[in-house]
Amino acid sequence: MKLILTTDVPGLGAPGDVVEVRDGYGRNFLLPQGKAIAATKGAEKQVATIKRAQVAREIRGTEHANEVKQALEKLSARLSITARTTADGAKLFGSITAIDVAAAIKAAGGPVLDRRTIETGGHIKTVGSHPVSVKLHPGVTVQLTVQVVGG
């Protein structure tokens, strides 16, 4: 059975990969769980379009990664995330995750980053400044400081 993966499946492939699996595995696990869709010509064209868009957003090399690093370092002073806090204003309701940091970088005028490249060192659950690292390319990592304010 030929399927297109919609999520990362360990030992099988990444989202967008066209894979050949046994009928039972595809019918009984991958399709019901929403981890894959049937491979049709239209779906394969759609996947090709999505992959082209991903390649356009990717960091292309060390030089490009260094350019993005310089742009992110300029934004570091303006990175601020507003979150709901408790009555005393010290703790957050919920936490700040890599998705929130990526949205803050985009809102500050920075590039669109994949949340998997952002390492927060766990969930951020308090108000204040917190260190965050962004791995742009093997060998190119940016250390940023995110200011979390109560709102």
N, C-alpha and C. Protein backbone atom coordinates (compact mmCIF):
# COMPACT_ATOMS: atom_id res chain seq x y z
N MET A 1 0.86 -1.17 0.00
CA MET A 1 0.00 0.00 0.00
C MET A 1 0.90 1.23 0.00
N LYS A 2 0.60 2.16 -0.87
CA LYS A 2 1.38 3.38 -1.00
C LYS A 2 0.67 4.51 -0.25
N LEU A 3 1.39 5.13 0.71
CA LEU A 3 0.82 6.17 1.54
C LEU A 3 1.74 7.39 1.59
N ILE A 4 1.16 8.52 1.96
CA ILE A 4 1.93 9.75 2.19
C ILE A 4 1.82 10.06 3.68
N LEU A 5 2.96 10.15 4.36
CA LEU A 5 2.96 10.40 5.80
C LEU A 5 2.59 11.85 6.09
N THR A 6 1.77 12.04 7.13
CA THR A 6 1.39 13.39 7.54
C THR A 6 2.10 13.82 8.82
N THR A 7 2.65 12.85 9.55
CA THR A 7 3.43 13.14 10.76
C THR A 7 4.69 12.30 10.74
N ASP A 8 5.59 12.58 11.65
CA ASP A 8 6.83 11.82 11.75
C ASP A 8 6.52 10.46 12.35
N VAL A 9 6.88 9.39 11.66
CA VAL A 9 6.68 8.03 12.14
C VAL A 9 8.07 7.41 12.31
N PRO A 10 8.47 7.13 13.56
CA PRO A 10 9.81 6.57 13.78
C PRO A 10 10.03 5.29 13.00
N GLY A 11 11.16 5.20 12.34
CA GLY A 11 11.51 4.02 11.57
C GLY A 11 10.87 3.96 10.20
N LEU A 12 10.02 4.93 9.87
CA LEU A 12 9.33 4.89 8.58
C LEU A 12 9.63 6.12 7.75
N GLY A 13 9.47 7.32 8.32
CA GLY A 13 9.74 8.52 7.55
C GLY A 13 9.21 9.77 8.20
N ALA A 14 9.40 10.86 7.49
CA ALA A 14 9.01 12.19 7.96
C ALA A 14 7.75 12.64 7.22
N PRO A 15 7.11 13.71 7.70
CA PRO A 15 5.92 14.21 7.00
C PRO A 15 6.23 14.54 5.54
N GLY A 16 5.35 14.11 4.65
CA GLY A 16 5.52 14.37 3.23
C GLY A 16 6.19 13.24 2.47
N ASP A 17 6.75 12.26 3.18
CA ASP A 17 7.40 11.14 2.52
C ASP A 17 6.35 10.19 1.95
N VAL A 18 6.61 9.69 0.76
CA VAL A 18 5.76 8.68 0.14
C VAL A 18 6.39 7.33 0.48
N VAL A 19 5.64 6.47 1.18
CA VAL A 19 6.19 5.20 1.64
C VAL A 19 5.32 4.04 1.16
N GLU A 20 5.92 2.89 1.06
CA GLU A 20 5.23 1.65 0.72
C GLU A 20 5.20 0.78 1.97
N VAL A 21 4.00 0.49 2.48
CA VAL A 21 3.86 -0.32 3.69
C VAL A 21 2.92 -1.49 3.40
N ARG A 22 2.90 -2.43 4.34
CA ARG A 22 1.97 -3.55 4.20
C ARG A 22 0.55 -3.05 4.38
N ASP A 23 -0.38 -3.73 3.71
CA ASP A 23 -1.78 -3.29 3.72
C ASP A 23 -2.36 -3.18 5.13
N GLY A 24 -2.13 -4.17 5.96
CA GLY A 24 -2.69 -4.17 7.31
C GLY A 24 -2.16 -3.03 8.16
N TYR A 25 -0.86 -2.76 8.07
CA TYR A 25 -0.25 -1.67 8.84
C TYR A 25 -0.84 -0.32 8.41
N GLY A 26 -1.01 -0.17 7.13
CA GLY A 26 -1.57 1.08 6.63
C GLY A 26 -3.04 1.23 6.98
N ARG A 27 -3.84 0.18 6.73
CA ARG A 27 -5.28 0.23 6.97
C ARG A 27 -5.65 0.27 8.45
N ASN A 28 -4.90 -0.45 9.28
CA ASN A 28 -5.29 -0.60 10.68
C ASN A 28 -4.59 0.37 11.63
N PHE A 29 -3.46 0.95 11.21
CA PHE A 29 -2.76 1.84 12.13
C PHE A 29 -2.55 3.24 11.55
N LEU A 30 -1.86 3.34 10.43
CA LEU A 30 -1.48 4.66 9.91
C LEU A 30 -2.68 5.50 9.49
N LEU A 31 -3.60 4.95 8.74
CA LEU A 31 -4.76 5.72 8.28
C LEU A 31 -5.71 6.10 9.42
N PRO A 32 -6.12 5.17 10.31
CA PRO A 32 -7.02 5.57 11.39
C PRO A 32 -6.41 6.56 12.38
N GLN A 33 -5.11 6.48 12.61
CA GLN A 33 -4.43 7.38 13.53
C GLN A 33 -4.19 8.76 12.91
N GLY A 34 -4.40 8.89 11.62
CA GLY A 34 -4.18 10.16 10.94
C GLY A 34 -2.71 10.43 10.66
N LYS A 35 -1.90 9.40 10.70
CA LYS A 35 -0.47 9.55 10.46
C LYS A 35 -0.12 9.49 8.98
N ALA A 36 -1.09 9.12 8.14
CA ALA A 36 -0.86 9.02 6.71
C ALA A 36 -2.17 9.21 5.95
N ILE A 37 -2.01 9.53 4.66
CA ILE A 37 -3.15 9.60 3.75
C ILE A 37 -2.83 8.74 2.53
N ALA A 38 -3.84 8.33 1.81
CA ALA A 38 -3.63 7.51 0.62
C ALA A 38 -2.88 8.32 -0.42
N ALA A 39 -1.96 7.66 -1.10
CA ALA A 39 -1.14 8.33 -2.12
C ALA A 39 -1.89 8.35 -3.44
N THR A 40 -2.37 9.53 -3.82
CA THR A 40 -3.01 9.72 -5.12
C THR A 40 -2.17 10.74 -5.89
N LYS A 41 -2.46 10.89 -7.16
CA LYS A 41 -1.69 11.86 -7.95
C LYS A 41 -1.86 13.28 -7.43
N GLY A 42 -3.09 13.62 -7.05
CA GLY A 42 -3.35 14.96 -6.53
C GLY A 42 -2.63 15.20 -5.21
N ALA A 43 -2.64 14.20 -4.33
CA ALA A 43 -1.98 14.33 -3.04
C ALA A 43 -0.46 14.43 -3.22
N GLU A 44 0.09 13.68 -4.18
CA GLU A 44 1.53 13.74 -4.42
C GLU A 44 1.93 15.12 -4.96
N LYS A 45 1.11 15.74 -5.79
CA LYS A 45 1.39 17.09 -6.28
C LYS A 45 1.35 18.09 -5.13
N GLN A 46 0.39 17.90 -4.23
CA GLN A 46 0.26 18.79 -3.08
C GLN A 46 1.49 18.67 -2.17
N VAL A 47 1.98 17.45 -1.96
CA VAL A 47 3.17 17.23 -1.14
C VAL A 47 4.39 17.87 -1.80
N ALA A 48 4.49 17.75 -3.11
CA ALA A 48 5.62 18.37 -3.82
C ALA A 48 5.61 19.88 -3.64
N THR A 49 4.44 20.50 -3.68
CA THR A 49 4.32 21.94 -3.47
C THR A 49 4.73 22.31 -2.04
N ILE A 50 4.29 21.53 -1.07
CA ILE A 50 4.64 21.80 0.33
C ILE A 50 6.14 21.67 0.55
N LYS A 51 6.75 20.65 -0.04
CA LYS A 51 8.20 20.45 0.11
C LYS A 51 8.98 21.59 -0.54
N ARG A 52 8.52 22.10 -1.67
CA ARG A 52 9.21 23.24 -2.30
C ARG A 52 9.15 24.46 -1.39
N ALA A 53 8.01 24.67 -0.75
CA ALA A 53 7.88 25.80 0.18
C ALA A 53 8.79 25.62 1.38
N GLN A 54 8.93 24.38 1.88
CA GLN A 54 9.82 24.13 3.01
C GLN A 54 11.27 24.39 2.64
N VAL A 55 11.67 23.98 1.46
CA VAL A 55 13.04 24.20 1.00
C VAL A 55 13.33 25.69 0.89
N ALA A 56 12.35 26.46 0.45
CA ALA A 56 12.54 27.91 0.33
C ALA A 56 12.75 28.56 1.69
N ARG A 57 12.11 28.02 2.75
CA ARG A 57 12.24 28.59 4.09
C ARG A 57 13.48 28.10 4.83
N GLU A 58 14.04 26.97 4.41
CA GLU A 58 15.16 26.37 5.12
C GLU A 58 16.41 27.26 5.08
N ILE A 59 17.23 27.05 6.08
CA ILE A 59 18.55 27.69 6.11
C ILE A 59 19.41 26.92 5.11
N ARG A 60 19.96 27.61 4.12
CA ARG A 60 20.61 26.94 3.01
C ARG A 60 22.07 26.57 3.25
N GLY A 61 22.76 27.25 4.12
CA GLY A 61 24.16 26.93 4.35
C GLY A 61 24.69 27.73 5.53
N THR A 62 25.97 27.57 5.79
CA THR A 62 26.58 28.24 6.93
C THR A 62 26.53 29.75 6.77
N GLU A 63 26.77 30.24 5.56
CA GLU A 63 26.75 31.69 5.32
C GLU A 63 25.34 32.25 5.58
N HIS A 64 24.34 31.58 5.07
CA HIS A 64 22.97 32.03 5.27
C HIS A 64 22.61 31.95 6.76
N ALA A 65 23.06 30.89 7.43
CA ALA A 65 22.80 30.74 8.87
C ALA A 65 23.44 31.88 9.66
N ASN A 66 24.63 32.29 9.27
CA ASN A 66 25.30 33.41 9.96
C ASN A 66 24.57 34.73 9.74
N GLU A 67 23.99 34.92 8.55
CA GLU A 67 23.20 36.12 8.28
C GLU A 67 21.95 36.14 9.17
N VAL A 68 21.27 34.99 9.26
CA VAL A 68 20.09 34.90 10.11
C VAL A 68 20.48 35.09 11.58
N LYS A 69 21.64 34.58 11.97
CA LYS A 69 22.13 34.73 13.34
C LYS A 69 22.31 36.20 13.68
N GLN A 70 22.92 36.97 12.78
CA GLN A 70 23.12 38.40 13.02
C GLN A 70 21.78 39.12 13.14
N ALA A 71 20.82 38.75 12.30
CA ALA A 71 19.50 39.38 12.37
C ALA A 71 18.81 39.06 13.69
N LEU A 72 18.95 37.83 14.16
CA LEU A 72 18.33 37.44 15.43
C LEU A 72 19.00 38.13 16.62
N GLU A 73 20.31 38.31 16.55
CA GLU A 73 21.01 38.99 17.64
C GLU A 73 20.57 40.45 17.76
N LYS A 74 20.25 41.08 16.64
CA LYS A 74 19.74 42.46 16.67
C LYS A 74 18.35 42.51 17.32
N LEU A 75 17.56 41.45 17.11
CA LEU A 75 16.20 41.40 17.65
C LEU A 75 16.16 41.03 19.13
N SER A 76 17.24 40.49 19.66
CA SER A 76 17.24 39.95 21.02
C SER A 76 16.77 40.95 22.07
N ALA A 77 17.07 42.23 21.87
CA ALA A 77 16.67 43.24 22.86
C ALA A 77 15.16 43.49 22.82
N ARG A 78 14.52 43.19 21.70
CA ARG A 78 13.09 43.48 21.54
C ARG A 78 12.19 42.27 21.76
N LEU A 79 12.76 41.11 22.10
CA LEU A 79 11.95 39.91 22.25
C LEU A 79 11.22 39.94 23.58
N SER A 80 9.92 40.09 23.51
CA SER A 80 9.11 40.16 24.71
C SER A 80 7.83 39.36 24.48
N ILE A 81 7.46 38.60 25.51
CA ILE A 81 6.24 37.79 25.44
C ILE A 81 5.36 38.19 26.61
N THR A 82 4.12 38.53 26.32
CA THR A 82 3.17 38.88 27.37
C THR A 82 2.31 37.65 27.67
N ALA A 83 2.19 37.34 28.97
CA ALA A 83 1.41 36.17 29.37
C ALA A 83 0.59 36.49 30.61
N ARG A 84 -0.49 35.75 30.81
CA ARG A 84 -1.31 35.93 32.00
C ARG A 84 -0.57 35.41 33.22
N THR A 85 -0.68 36.16 34.32
CA THR A 85 0.01 35.77 35.54
C THR A 85 -0.96 35.62 36.69
N THR A 86 -0.44 35.08 37.79
CA THR A 86 -1.24 34.96 39.01
C THR A 86 -1.43 36.34 39.62
N ALA A 87 -2.19 36.42 40.71
CA ALA A 87 -2.50 37.70 41.34
C ALA A 87 -1.24 38.43 41.81
N ASP A 88 -0.25 37.69 42.31
CA ASP A 88 0.98 38.36 42.75
C ASP A 88 1.90 38.72 41.59
N GLY A 89 1.62 38.22 40.40
CA GLY A 89 2.37 38.60 39.21
C GLY A 89 3.68 37.88 39.02
N ALA A 90 3.96 36.83 39.78
CA ALA A 90 5.24 36.13 39.67
C ALA A 90 5.17 34.89 38.79
N LYS A 91 4.09 34.15 38.88
CA LYS A 91 3.96 32.90 38.12
C LYS A 91 2.97 33.07 36.98
N LEU A 92 3.19 32.27 35.95
CA LEU A 92 2.32 32.31 34.78
C LEU A 92 1.22 31.26 34.89
N PHE A 93 0.08 31.57 34.27
CA PHE A 93 -0.92 30.55 34.03
C PHE A 93 -0.45 29.81 32.79
N GLY A 94 -0.12 28.55 32.92
CA GLY A 94 0.44 27.83 31.79
C GLY A 94 1.93 28.05 31.71
N SER A 95 2.47 28.00 30.51
CA SER A 95 3.91 28.19 30.33
C SER A 95 4.21 28.73 28.94
N ILE A 96 5.42 29.22 28.79
CA ILE A 96 5.90 29.70 27.50
C ILE A 96 6.67 28.56 26.85
N THR A 97 6.31 28.21 25.63
CA THR A 97 6.95 27.10 24.92
C THR A 97 7.72 27.63 23.70
N ALA A 98 8.33 26.72 22.98
CA ALA A 98 9.09 27.07 21.78
C ALA A 98 8.18 27.70 20.73
N ILE A 99 6.93 27.30 20.68
CA ILE A 99 5.98 27.88 19.72
C ILE A 99 5.77 29.36 20.02
N ASP A 100 5.64 29.70 21.31
CA ASP A 100 5.45 31.09 21.71
C ASP A 100 6.69 31.93 21.38
N VAL A 101 7.88 31.35 21.57
CA VAL A 101 9.12 32.06 21.27
C VAL A 101 9.22 32.31 19.76
N ALA A 102 8.87 31.31 18.95
CA ALA A 102 8.91 31.47 17.49
C ALA A 102 7.95 32.56 17.05
N ALA A 103 6.76 32.62 17.67
CA ALA A 103 5.79 33.67 17.34
C ALA A 103 6.31 35.04 17.75
N ALA A 104 7.00 35.13 18.88
CA ALA A 104 7.56 36.41 19.33
C ALA A 104 8.66 36.88 18.39
N ILE A 105 9.47 35.96 17.90
CA ILE A 105 10.54 36.32 16.95
C ILE A 105 9.92 36.85 15.66
N LYS A 106 8.89 36.18 15.18
CA LYS A 106 8.21 36.61 13.95
C LYS A 106 7.56 37.97 14.16
N ALA A 107 6.90 38.18 15.33
CA ALA A 107 6.23 39.44 15.62
C ALA A 107 7.22 40.61 15.75
N ALA A 108 8.45 40.31 16.17
CA ALA A 108 9.47 41.35 16.32
C ALA A 108 10.12 41.69 14.98
N GLY A 109 9.71 41.02 13.91
CA GLY A 109 10.26 41.31 12.60
C GLY A 109 11.35 40.35 12.18
N GLY A 110 11.50 39.26 12.88
CA GLY A 110 12.51 38.27 12.56
C GLY A 110 12.02 37.24 11.57
N PRO A 111 12.87 36.29 11.23
CA PRO A 111 12.47 35.25 10.27
C PRO A 111 11.53 34.24 10.91
N VAL A 112 10.83 33.51 10.06
CA VAL A 112 9.96 32.43 10.53
C VAL A 112 10.86 31.25 10.86
N LEU A 113 10.79 30.78 12.11
CA LEU A 113 11.64 29.67 12.54
C LEU A 113 10.78 28.46 12.89
N ASP A 114 11.34 27.30 12.66
CA ASP A 114 10.67 26.06 13.04
C ASP A 114 10.80 25.90 14.55
N ARG A 115 9.72 25.52 15.20
CA ARG A 115 9.74 25.40 16.66
C ARG A 115 10.73 24.35 17.13
N ARG A 116 11.05 23.37 16.28
CA ARG A 116 11.98 22.32 16.68
C ARG A 116 13.42 22.81 16.75
N THR A 117 13.71 23.98 16.20
CA THR A 117 15.06 24.53 16.27
C THR A 117 15.27 25.36 17.53
N ILE A 118 14.20 25.61 18.28
CA ILE A 118 14.28 26.47 19.47
C ILE A 118 14.32 25.61 20.72
N GLU A 119 15.33 25.85 21.57
CA GLU A 119 15.49 25.13 22.83
C GLU A 119 15.31 26.10 23.98
N THR A 120 14.26 25.89 24.77
CA THR A 120 13.98 26.79 25.88
C THR A 120 14.51 26.26 27.21
N GLY A 121 15.01 25.04 27.24
CA GLY A 121 15.47 24.46 28.48
C GLY A 121 14.30 24.06 29.37
N GLY A 122 13.23 23.62 28.78
CA GLY A 122 12.02 23.28 29.52
C GLY A 122 11.01 24.39 29.35
N HIS A 123 9.87 24.23 29.95
CA HIS A 123 8.84 25.26 29.86
C HIS A 123 9.18 26.43 30.76
N ILE A 124 8.93 27.62 30.29
CA ILE A 124 9.17 28.84 31.06
C ILE A 124 7.89 29.14 31.82
N LYS A 125 7.97 29.18 33.15
CA LYS A 125 6.77 29.34 33.97
C LYS A 125 6.81 30.55 34.89
N THR A 126 7.83 31.41 34.74
CA THR A 126 7.92 32.58 35.60
C THR A 126 8.16 33.83 34.77
N VAL A 127 7.86 34.98 35.37
CA VAL A 127 8.09 36.27 34.73
C VAL A 127 9.57 36.60 34.86
N GLY A 128 10.12 37.28 33.85
CA GLY A 128 11.52 37.69 33.88
C GLY A 128 12.21 37.38 32.57
N SER A 129 13.54 37.46 32.58
CA SER A 129 14.28 37.17 31.36
C SER A 129 14.80 35.73 31.42
N HIS A 130 14.69 35.06 30.29
CA HIS A 130 15.06 33.65 30.21
C HIS A 130 15.93 33.43 28.98
N PRO A 131 17.01 32.62 29.10
CA PRO A 131 17.85 32.32 27.94
C PRO A 131 17.20 31.27 27.04
N VAL A 132 17.34 31.48 25.74
CA VAL A 132 16.79 30.58 24.74
C VAL A 132 17.86 30.39 23.67
N SER A 133 18.04 29.18 23.19
CA SER A 133 19.00 28.96 22.11
C SER A 133 18.26 28.49 20.86
N VAL A 134 18.74 28.95 19.71
CA VAL A 134 18.15 28.59 18.43
C VAL A 134 19.25 27.96 17.59
N LYS A 135 19.05 26.71 17.18
CA LYS A 135 20.03 26.01 16.36
C LYS A 135 19.63 26.20 14.90
N LEU A 136 20.37 27.07 14.22
CA LEU A 136 20.04 27.40 12.83
C LEU A 136 20.60 26.39 11.84
N HIS A 137 21.78 25.88 12.15
CA HIS A 137 22.51 25.01 11.24
C HIS A 137 23.50 24.24 12.11
N PRO A 138 23.94 23.05 11.71
CA PRO A 138 24.97 22.39 12.52
C PRO A 138 26.19 23.30 12.66
N GLY A 139 26.51 23.67 13.86
CA GLY A 139 27.65 24.55 14.11
C GLY A 139 27.27 26.01 14.27
N VAL A 140 26.02 26.38 13.99
CA VAL A 140 25.58 27.78 14.13
C VAL A 140 24.38 27.81 15.08
N THR A 141 24.64 28.30 16.30
CA THR A 141 23.60 28.41 17.31
C THR A 141 23.57 29.82 17.85
N VAL A 142 22.38 30.36 18.07
CA VAL A 142 22.22 31.72 18.57
C VAL A 142 21.67 31.65 19.99
N GLN A 143 22.25 32.41 20.90
CA GLN A 143 21.75 32.53 22.26
C GLN A 143 20.96 33.82 22.35
N LEU A 144 19.67 33.72 22.69
CA LEU A 144 18.80 34.88 22.80
C LEU A 144 18.27 34.99 24.23
N THR A 145 17.82 36.18 24.59
CA THR A 145 17.18 36.38 25.87
C THR A 145 15.75 36.82 25.61
N VAL A 146 14.79 36.09 26.17
CA VAL A 146 13.38 36.41 26.00
C VAL A 146 12.88 37.00 27.30
N GLN A 147 12.24 38.16 27.21
CA GLN A 147 11.67 38.84 28.38
C GLN A 147 10.20 38.45 28.48
N VAL A 148 9.82 37.82 29.58
CA VAL A 148 8.42 37.43 29.81
C VAL A 148 7.83 38.44 30.79
N VAL A 149 6.74 39.07 30.36
CA VAL A 149 6.07 40.07 31.20
C VAL A 149 4.63 39.64 31.46
N GLY A 150 4.13 40.04 32.62
CA GLY A 150 2.76 39.71 32.97
C GLY A 150 1.78 40.64 32.29
N GLY A 151 0.63 40.12 32.01
CA GLY A 151 -0.33 40.96 31.31
C GLY A 151 -1.74 40.79 31.75
